[in-house]
């Protein structure tokens, strides 16, 4: 799965795209290694935006971090449903 951080502009955001396994554990690792202070699985939520982004073709899902807000976006859901 592809993940990108939320930045001020689309090009800046797309410059952060990385590939991870579509699991909650891999997502949590990607977030923590990028400098966010997330330590618990229940601090991270992934929700479908119910639209395909015409700029990149992603079935866009927003990644939310409790107490922080939007971390970024993925191109699909997590396979473990968290």
PDB file of N, CA and C in Angstrom:
ATOM      1  N   UNK A   1       0.832  -1.147   0.000  1.00  0.00           N
ATOM      2  CA  UNK A   1       0.000   0.000   0.000  1.00  0.00           C
ATOM      3  C   UNK A   1       0.892   1.229   0.000  1.00  0.00           C
ATOM      4  N   UNK A   2       0.418   2.291  -0.632  1.00  0.00           N
ATOM      5  CA  UNK A   2       1.152   3.556  -0.641  1.00  0.00           C
ATOM      6  C   UNK A   2       0.597   4.446   0.462  1.00  0.00           C
ATOM      7  N   UNK A   3       1.504   5.198   1.086  1.00  0.00           N
ATOM      8  CA  UNK A   3       1.113   6.160   2.107  1.00  0.00           C
ATOM      9  C   UNK A   3       1.884   7.447   1.860  1.00  0.00           C
ATOM     10  N   UNK A   4       1.215   8.552   2.100  1.00  0.00           N
ATOM     11  CA  UNK A   4       1.879   9.854   1.983  1.00  0.00           C
ATOM     12  C   UNK A   4       1.464  10.724   3.150  1.00  0.00           C
ATOM     13  N   UNK A   5       2.367  11.578   3.570  1.00  0.00           N
ATOM     14  CA  UNK A   5       2.067  12.513   4.648  1.00  0.00           C
ATOM     15  C   UNK A   5       1.233  13.677   4.116  1.00  0.00           C
ATOM     16  N   UNK A   6       0.451  14.271   4.983  1.00  0.00           N
ATOM     17  CA  UNK A   6      -0.299  15.473   4.635  1.00  0.00           C
ATOM     18  C   UNK A   6       0.655  16.655   4.754  1.00  0.00           C
ATOM     19  N   UNK A   7       0.788  17.401   3.689  1.00  0.00           N
ATOM     20  CA  UNK A   7       1.678  18.567   3.662  1.00  0.00           C
ATOM     21  C   UNK A   7       0.893  19.769   3.166  1.00  0.00           C
ATOM     22  N   UNK A   8       1.536  20.904   3.057  1.00  0.00           N
ATOM     23  CA  UNK A   8       0.878  22.123   2.622  1.00  0.00           C
ATOM     24  C   UNK A   8       0.354  22.082   1.203  1.00  0.00           C
ATOM     25  N   UNK A   9       1.009  21.341   0.333  1.00  0.00           N
ATOM     26  CA  UNK A   9       0.581  21.249  -1.048  1.00  0.00           C
ATOM     27  C   UNK A   9       0.653  19.817  -1.547  1.00  0.00           C
ATOM     28  N   UNK A  10      -0.050  19.544  -2.628  1.00  0.00           N
ATOM     29  CA  UNK A  10      -0.122  18.194  -3.178  1.00  0.00           C
ATOM     30  C   UNK A  10       1.259  17.672  -3.575  1.00  0.00           C
ATOM     31  N   UNK A  11       2.060  18.473  -4.271  1.00  0.00           N
ATOM     32  CA  UNK A  11       3.386  18.016  -4.695  1.00  0.00           C
ATOM     33  C   UNK A  11       4.277  17.692  -3.497  1.00  0.00           C
ATOM     34  N   UNK A  12       4.232  18.533  -2.458  1.00  0.00           N
ATOM     35  CA  UNK A  12       4.999  18.258  -1.244  1.00  0.00           C
ATOM     36  C   UNK A  12       4.535  16.959  -0.599  1.00  0.00           C
ATOM     37  N   UNK A  13       3.230  16.764  -0.567  1.00  0.00           N
ATOM     38  CA  UNK A  13       2.672  15.543   0.011  1.00  0.00           C
ATOM     39  C   UNK A  13       3.095  14.312  -0.781  1.00  0.00           C
ATOM     40  N   UNK A  14       3.008  14.374  -2.105  1.00  0.00           N
ATOM     41  CA  UNK A  14       3.367  13.229  -2.941  1.00  0.00           C
ATOM     42  C   UNK A  14       4.861  12.914  -2.877  1.00  0.00           C
ATOM     43  N   UNK A  15       5.681  13.887  -2.514  1.00  0.00           N
ATOM     44  CA  UNK A  15       7.119  13.631  -2.396  1.00  0.00           C
ATOM     45  C   UNK A  15       7.436  12.742  -1.195  1.00  0.00           C
ATOM     46  N   UNK A  16       6.461  12.513  -0.319  1.00  0.00           N
ATOM     47  CA  UNK A  16       6.674  11.669   0.858  1.00  0.00           C
ATOM     48  C   UNK A  16       6.135  10.253   0.674  1.00  0.00           C
ATOM     49  N   UNK A  17       5.655   9.902  -0.514  1.00  0.00           N
ATOM     50  CA  UNK A  17       5.051   8.582  -0.739  1.00  0.00           C
ATOM     51  C   UNK A  17       6.056   7.466  -0.460  1.00  0.00           C
ATOM     52  N   UNK A  18       5.604   6.497   0.329  1.00  0.00           N
ATOM     53  CA  UNK A  18       6.374   5.287   0.578  1.00  0.00           C
ATOM     54  C   UNK A  18       5.432   4.092   0.462  1.00  0.00           C
ATOM     55  N   UNK A  19       6.000   2.927   0.281  1.00  0.00           N
ATOM     56  CA  UNK A  19       5.221   1.692   0.224  1.00  0.00           C
ATOM     57  C   UNK A  19       5.385   0.935   1.532  1.00  0.00           C
ATOM     58  N   UNK A  20       4.256   0.484   2.079  1.00  0.00           N
ATOM     59  CA  UNK A  20       4.264  -0.306   3.306  1.00  0.00           C
ATOM     60  C   UNK A  20       3.306  -1.481   3.130  1.00  0.00           C
ATOM     61  N   UNK A  21       3.425  -2.467   3.997  1.00  0.00           N
ATOM     62  CA  UNK A  21       2.437  -3.539   4.040  1.00  0.00           C
ATOM     63  C   UNK A  21       1.119  -2.914   4.495  1.00  0.00           C
ATOM     64  N   UNK A  22      -0.012  -3.386   3.995  1.00  0.00           N
ATOM     65  CA  UNK A  22      -1.298  -2.783   4.369  1.00  0.00           C
ATOM     66  C   UNK A  22      -1.825  -3.296   5.705  1.00  0.00           C
ATOM     67  N   UNK A  23      -0.982  -3.177   6.739  1.00  0.00           N
ATOM     68  CA  UNK A  23      -1.366  -3.605   8.077  1.00  0.00           C
ATOM     69  C   UNK A  23      -1.262  -2.446   9.054  1.00  0.00           C
ATOM     70  N   UNK A  24      -1.991  -2.575  10.137  1.00  0.00           N
ATOM     71  CA  UNK A  24      -1.960  -1.529  11.157  1.00  0.00           C
ATOM     72  C   UNK A  24      -0.568  -1.408  11.768  1.00  0.00           C
ATOM     73  N   UNK A  25       0.119  -2.526  11.970  1.00  0.00           N
ATOM     74  CA  UNK A  25       1.467  -2.501  12.543  1.00  0.00           C
ATOM     75  C   UNK A  25       2.440  -1.749  11.635  1.00  0.00           C
ATOM     76  N   UNK A  26       2.376  -2.000  10.333  1.00  0.00           N
ATOM     77  CA  UNK A  26       3.267  -1.308   9.385  1.00  0.00           C
ATOM     78  C   UNK A  26       2.935   0.179   9.322  1.00  0.00           C
ATOM     79  N   UNK A  27       1.653   0.499   9.396  1.00  0.00           N
ATOM     80  CA  UNK A  27       1.233   1.906   9.389  1.00  0.00           C
ATOM     81  C   UNK A  27       1.755   2.618  10.628  1.00  0.00           C
ATOM     82  N   UNK A  28       1.604   1.994  11.782  1.00  0.00           N
ATOM     83  CA  UNK A  28       2.094   2.576  13.028  1.00  0.00           C
ATOM     84  C   UNK A  28       3.602   2.797  12.961  1.00  0.00           C
ATOM     85  N   UNK A  29       4.334   1.838  12.408  1.00  0.00           N
ATOM     86  CA  UNK A  29       5.784   1.991  12.272  1.00  0.00           C
ATOM     87  C   UNK A  29       6.135   3.154  11.346  1.00  0.00           C
ATOM     88  N   UNK A  30       5.431   3.275  10.231  1.00  0.00           N
ATOM     89  CA  UNK A  30       5.689   4.377   9.290  1.00  0.00           C
ATOM     90  C   UNK A  30       5.440   5.731   9.944  1.00  0.00           C
ATOM     91  N   UNK A  31       4.393   5.812  10.734  1.00  0.00           N
ATOM     92  CA  UNK A  31       4.064   7.078  11.397  1.00  0.00           C
ATOM     93  C   UNK A  31       5.110   7.416  12.451  1.00  0.00           C
ATOM     94  N   UNK A  32       5.480   6.452  13.271  1.00  0.00           N
ATOM     95  CA  UNK A  32       6.443   6.736  14.339  1.00  0.00           C
ATOM     96  C   UNK A  32       7.831   7.054  13.794  1.00  0.00           C
ATOM     97  N   UNK A  33       8.236   6.388  12.707  1.00  0.00           N
ATOM     98  CA  UNK A  33       9.561   6.679  12.148  1.00  0.00           C
ATOM     99  C   UNK A  33       9.613   8.020  11.440  1.00  0.00           C
ATOM    100  N   UNK A  34       8.447   8.597  11.149  1.00  0.00           N
ATOM    101  CA  UNK A  34       8.433   9.920  10.521  1.00  0.00           C
ATOM    102  C   UNK A  34       8.429  11.045  11.555  1.00  0.00           C
ATOM    103  N   UNK A  35       8.494  10.685  12.839  1.00  0.00           N
ATOM    104  CA  UNK A  35       8.621  11.704  13.867  1.00  0.00           C
ATOM    105  C   UNK A  35       7.378  11.985  14.688  1.00  0.00           C
ATOM    106  N   UNK A  36       6.282  11.308  14.392  1.00  0.00           N
ATOM    107  CA  UNK A  36       5.075  11.496  15.192  1.00  0.00           C
ATOM    108  C   UNK A  36       5.183  10.642  16.445  1.00  0.00           C
ATOM    109  N   UNK A  37       4.718  11.153  17.568  1.00  0.00           N
ATOM    110  CA  UNK A  37       4.819  10.444  18.837  1.00  0.00           C
ATOM    111  C   UNK A  37       3.668   9.495  19.093  1.00  0.00           C
ATOM    112  N   UNK A  38       3.473   8.547  18.222  1.00  0.00           N
ATOM    113  CA  UNK A  38       2.395   7.576  18.364  1.00  0.00           C
ATOM    114  C   UNK A  38       2.983   6.283  18.900  1.00  0.00           C
ATOM    115  N   UNK A  39       2.387   5.765  19.956  1.00  0.00           N
ATOM    116  CA  UNK A  39       2.919   4.545  20.552  1.00  0.00           C
ATOM    117  C   UNK A  39       1.882   3.437  20.677  1.00  0.00           C
ATOM    118  N   UNK A  40       0.606   3.754  20.495  1.00  0.00           N
ATOM    119  CA  UNK A  40      -0.440   2.741  20.669  1.00  0.00           C
ATOM    120  C   UNK A  40      -1.248   2.593  19.398  1.00  0.00           C
ATOM    121  N   UNK A  41      -1.643   1.360  19.091  1.00  0.00           N
ATOM    122  CA  UNK A  41      -2.444   1.095  17.898  1.00  0.00           C
ATOM    123  C   UNK A  41      -3.747   1.875  17.880  1.00  0.00           C
ATOM    124  N   UNK A  42      -4.375   2.033  19.044  1.00  0.00           N
ATOM    125  CA  UNK A  42      -5.675   2.702  19.044  1.00  0.00           C
ATOM    126  C   UNK A  42      -5.572   4.219  18.894  1.00  0.00           C
ATOM    127  N   UNK A  43      -4.351   4.735  18.776  1.00  0.00           N
ATOM    128  CA  UNK A  43      -4.173   6.165  18.503  1.00  0.00           C
ATOM    129  C   UNK A  43      -4.290   6.478  17.017  1.00  0.00           C
ATOM    130  N   UNK A  44      -4.364   5.436  16.164  1.00  0.00           N
ATOM    131  CA  UNK A  44      -4.382   5.628  14.717  1.00  0.00           C
ATOM    132  C   UNK A  44      -5.647   5.017  14.125  1.00  0.00           C
ATOM    133  N   UNK A  45      -6.310   5.791  13.268  1.00  0.00           N
ATOM    134  CA  UNK A  45      -7.543   5.351  12.617  1.00  0.00           C
ATOM    135  C   UNK A  45      -7.437   5.642  11.124  1.00  0.00           C
ATOM    136  N   UNK A  46      -7.902   4.708  10.296  1.00  0.00           N
ATOM    137  CA  UNK A  46      -7.910   4.885   8.847  1.00  0.00           C
ATOM    138  C   UNK A  46      -9.358   4.853   8.382  1.00  0.00           C
ATOM    139  N   UNK A  47      -9.779   5.909   7.678  1.00  0.00           N
ATOM    140  CA  UNK A  47     -11.156   6.007   7.194  1.00  0.00           C
ATOM    141  C   UNK A  47     -11.179   6.297   5.701  1.00  0.00           C
ATOM    142  N   UNK A  48     -12.049   5.600   4.991  1.00  0.00           N
ATOM    143  CA  UNK A  48     -12.190   5.802   3.546  1.00  0.00           C
ATOM    144  C   UNK A  48     -12.865   7.151   3.283  1.00  0.00           C
ATOM    145  N   UNK A  49     -12.364   7.881   2.306  1.00  0.00           N
ATOM    146  CA  UNK A  49     -12.951   9.174   1.938  1.00  0.00           C
ATOM    147  C   UNK A  49     -14.092   9.033   0.943  1.00  0.00           C
ATOM    148  N   UNK A  50     -14.337   7.798   0.470  1.00  0.00           N
ATOM    149  CA  UNK A  50     -15.458   7.511  -0.426  1.00  0.00           C
ATOM    150  C   UNK A  50     -15.334   8.212  -1.775  1.00  0.00           C
ATOM    151  N   UNK A  51     -14.089   8.300  -2.245  1.00  0.00           N
ATOM    152  CA  UNK A  51     -13.857   8.854  -3.578  1.00  0.00           C
ATOM    153  C   UNK A  51     -12.471   8.451  -4.047  1.00  0.00           C
ATOM    154  N   UNK A  52     -12.312   8.439  -5.355  1.00  0.00           N
ATOM    155  CA  UNK A  52     -11.002   8.186  -5.948  1.00  0.00           C
ATOM    156  C   UNK A  52     -10.398   9.548  -6.297  1.00  0.00           C
ATOM    157  N   UNK A  53      -9.159   9.753  -5.897  1.00  0.00           N
ATOM    158  CA  UNK A  53      -8.461  11.009  -6.178  1.00  0.00           C
ATOM    159  C   UNK A  53      -8.078  11.022  -7.653  1.00  0.00           C
ATOM    160  N   UNK A  54      -8.615  11.953  -8.399  1.00  0.00           N
ATOM    161  CA  UNK A  54      -8.366  12.019  -9.847  1.00  0.00           C
ATOM    162  C   UNK A  54      -6.918  12.383 -10.176  1.00  0.00           C
ATOM    163  N   UNK A  55      -6.187  12.933  -9.214  1.00  0.00           N
ATOM    164  CA  UNK A  55      -4.803  13.332  -9.459  1.00  0.00           C
ATOM    165  C   UNK A  55      -3.848  12.139  -9.487  1.00  0.00           C
ATOM    166  N   UNK A  56      -4.174  11.088  -8.715  1.00  0.00           N
ATOM    167  CA  UNK A  56      -3.249   9.956  -8.634  1.00  0.00           C
ATOM    168  C   UNK A  56      -3.939   8.595  -8.754  1.00  0.00           C
ATOM    169  N   UNK A  57      -5.255   8.573  -8.839  1.00  0.00           N
ATOM    170  CA  UNK A  57      -5.998   7.329  -8.992  1.00  0.00           C
ATOM    171  C   UNK A  57      -6.172   6.531  -7.710  1.00  0.00           C
ATOM    172  N   UNK A  58      -5.802   7.104  -6.573  1.00  0.00           N
ATOM    173  CA  UNK A  58      -5.901   6.406  -5.302  1.00  0.00           C
ATOM    174  C   UNK A  58      -7.340   6.288  -4.829  1.00  0.00           C
ATOM    175  N   UNK A  59      -7.701   5.132  -4.258  1.00  0.00           N
ATOM    176  CA  UNK A  59      -8.934   4.961  -3.486  1.00  0.00           C
ATOM    177  C   UNK A  59      -8.592   5.508  -2.102  1.00  0.00           C
ATOM    178  N   UNK A  60      -8.658   6.809  -1.960  1.00  0.00           N
ATOM    179  CA  UNK A  60      -8.043   7.518  -0.848  1.00  0.00           C
ATOM    180  C   UNK A  60      -8.701   7.237   0.506  1.00  0.00           C
ATOM    181  N   UNK A  61      -7.832   6.944   1.478  1.00  0.00           N
ATOM    182  CA  UNK A  61      -8.208   6.758   2.872  1.00  0.00           C
ATOM    183  C   UNK A  61      -7.388   7.755   3.687  1.00  0.00           C
ATOM    184  N   UNK A  62      -8.016   8.404   4.641  1.00  0.00           N
ATOM    185  CA  UNK A  62      -7.317   9.366   5.492  1.00  0.00           C
ATOM    186  C   UNK A  62      -6.806   8.641   6.735  1.00  0.00           C
ATOM    187  N   UNK A  63      -5.595   9.006   7.154  1.00  0.00           N
ATOM    188  CA  UNK A  63      -4.981   8.444   8.352  1.00  0.00           C
ATOM    189  C   UNK A  63      -5.049   9.513   9.437  1.00  0.00           C
ATOM    190  N   UNK A  64      -5.782   9.196  10.512  1.00  0.00           N
ATOM    191  CA  UNK A  64      -5.984  10.132  11.616  1.00  0.00           C
ATOM    192  C   UNK A  64      -5.229   9.657  12.846  1.00  0.00           C
ATOM    193  N   UNK A  65      -4.580  10.594  13.544  1.00  0.00           N
ATOM    194  CA  UNK A  65      -3.854  10.285  14.769  1.00  0.00           C
ATOM    195  C   UNK A  65      -4.523  11.047  15.905  1.00  0.00           C
ATOM    196  N   UNK A  66      -4.912  10.318  16.949  1.00  0.00           N
ATOM    197  CA  UNK A  66      -5.584  10.917  18.103  1.00  0.00           C
ATOM    198  C   UNK A  66      -4.722  12.015  18.713  1.00  0.00           C
ATOM    199  N   UNK A  67      -5.337  13.149  18.957  1.00  0.00           N
ATOM    200  CA  UNK A  67      -4.642  14.271  19.573  1.00  0.00           C
ATOM    201  C   UNK A  67      -3.806  15.100  18.621  1.00  0.00           C
ATOM    202  N   UNK A  68      -3.660  14.644  17.376  1.00  0.00           N
ATOM    203  CA  UNK A  68      -2.854  15.370  16.387  1.00  0.00           C
ATOM    204  C   UNK A  68      -3.698  15.782  15.192  1.00  0.00           C
ATOM    205  N   UNK A  69      -4.489  14.857  14.664  1.00  0.00           N
ATOM    206  CA  UNK A  69      -5.315  15.127  13.487  1.00  0.00           C
ATOM    207  C   UNK A  69      -4.875  14.284  12.312  1.00  0.00           C
ATOM    208  N   UNK A  70      -4.914  14.876  11.126  1.00  0.00           N
ATOM    209  CA  UNK A  70      -4.585  14.143   9.899  1.00  0.00           C
ATOM    210  C   UNK A  70      -3.081  13.953   9.788  1.00  0.00           C
ATOM    211  N   UNK A  71      -2.675  12.688   9.702  1.00  0.00           N
ATOM    212  CA  UNK A  71      -1.269  12.376   9.423  1.00  0.00           C
ATOM    213  C   UNK A  71      -1.025  12.375   7.924  1.00  0.00           C
ATOM    214  N   UNK A  72      -1.936  11.725   7.192  1.00  0.00           N
ATOM    215  CA  UNK A  72      -1.740  11.608   5.757  1.00  0.00           C
ATOM    216  C   UNK A  72      -2.824  10.775   5.116  1.00  0.00           C
ATOM    217  N   UNK A  73      -2.454  10.120   4.005  1.00  0.00           N
ATOM    218  CA  UNK A  73      -3.425   9.393   3.200  1.00  0.00           C
ATOM    219  C   UNK A  73      -2.811   8.106   2.661  1.00  0.00           C
ATOM    220  N   UNK A  74      -3.663   7.097   2.457  1.00  0.00           N
ATOM    221  CA  UNK A  74      -3.232   5.856   1.834  1.00  0.00           C
ATOM    222  C   UNK A  74      -4.018   5.647   0.548  1.00  0.00           C
ATOM    223  N   UNK A  75      -3.538   4.694  -0.256  1.00  0.00           N
ATOM    224  CA  UNK A  75      -4.222   4.400  -1.521  1.00  0.00           C
ATOM    225  C   UNK A  75      -5.190   3.233  -1.395  1.00  0.00           C
ATOM    226  N   UNK A  76      -5.497   2.838  -0.185  1.00  0.00           N
ATOM    227  CA  UNK A  76      -6.443   1.761   0.046  1.00  0.00           C
ATOM    228  C   UNK A  76      -6.589   1.449   1.517  1.00  0.00           C
ATOM    229  N   UNK A  77      -7.416   0.456   1.833  1.00  0.00           N
ATOM    230  CA  UNK A  77      -7.655   0.101   3.231  1.00  0.00           C
ATOM    231  C   UNK A  77      -6.560  -0.815   3.781  1.00  0.00           C
ATOM    232  N   UNK A  78      -6.572  -0.953   5.086  1.00  0.00           N
ATOM    233  CA  UNK A  78      -5.702  -1.912   5.749  1.00  0.00           C
ATOM    234  C   UNK A  78      -6.321  -3.299   5.644  1.00  0.00           C
ATOM    235  N   UNK A  79      -5.508  -4.327   5.501  1.00  0.00           N
ATOM    236  CA  UNK A  79      -6.055  -5.677   5.365  1.00  0.00           C
ATOM    237  C   UNK A  79      -6.519  -6.242   6.700  1.00  0.00           C
ATOM    238  N   UNK A  80      -6.048  -5.662   7.816  1.00  0.00           N
ATOM    239  CA  UNK A  80      -6.483  -6.159   9.109  1.00  0.00           C
ATOM    240  C   UNK A  80      -7.635  -5.341   9.683  1.00  0.00           C
ATOM    241  N   UNK A  81      -8.199  -4.447   8.872  1.00  0.00           N
ATOM    242  CA  UNK A  81      -9.437  -3.752   9.204  1.00  0.00           C
ATOM    243  C   UNK A  81      -9.395  -2.773  10.348  1.00  0.00           C
ATOM    244  N   UNK A  82      -8.251  -2.361  10.778  1.00  0.00           N
ATOM    245  CA  UNK A  82      -8.193  -1.434  11.903  1.00  0.00           C
ATOM    246  C   UNK A  82      -8.187  -0.012  11.421  1.00  0.00           C
TER     247      UNK A  82
END
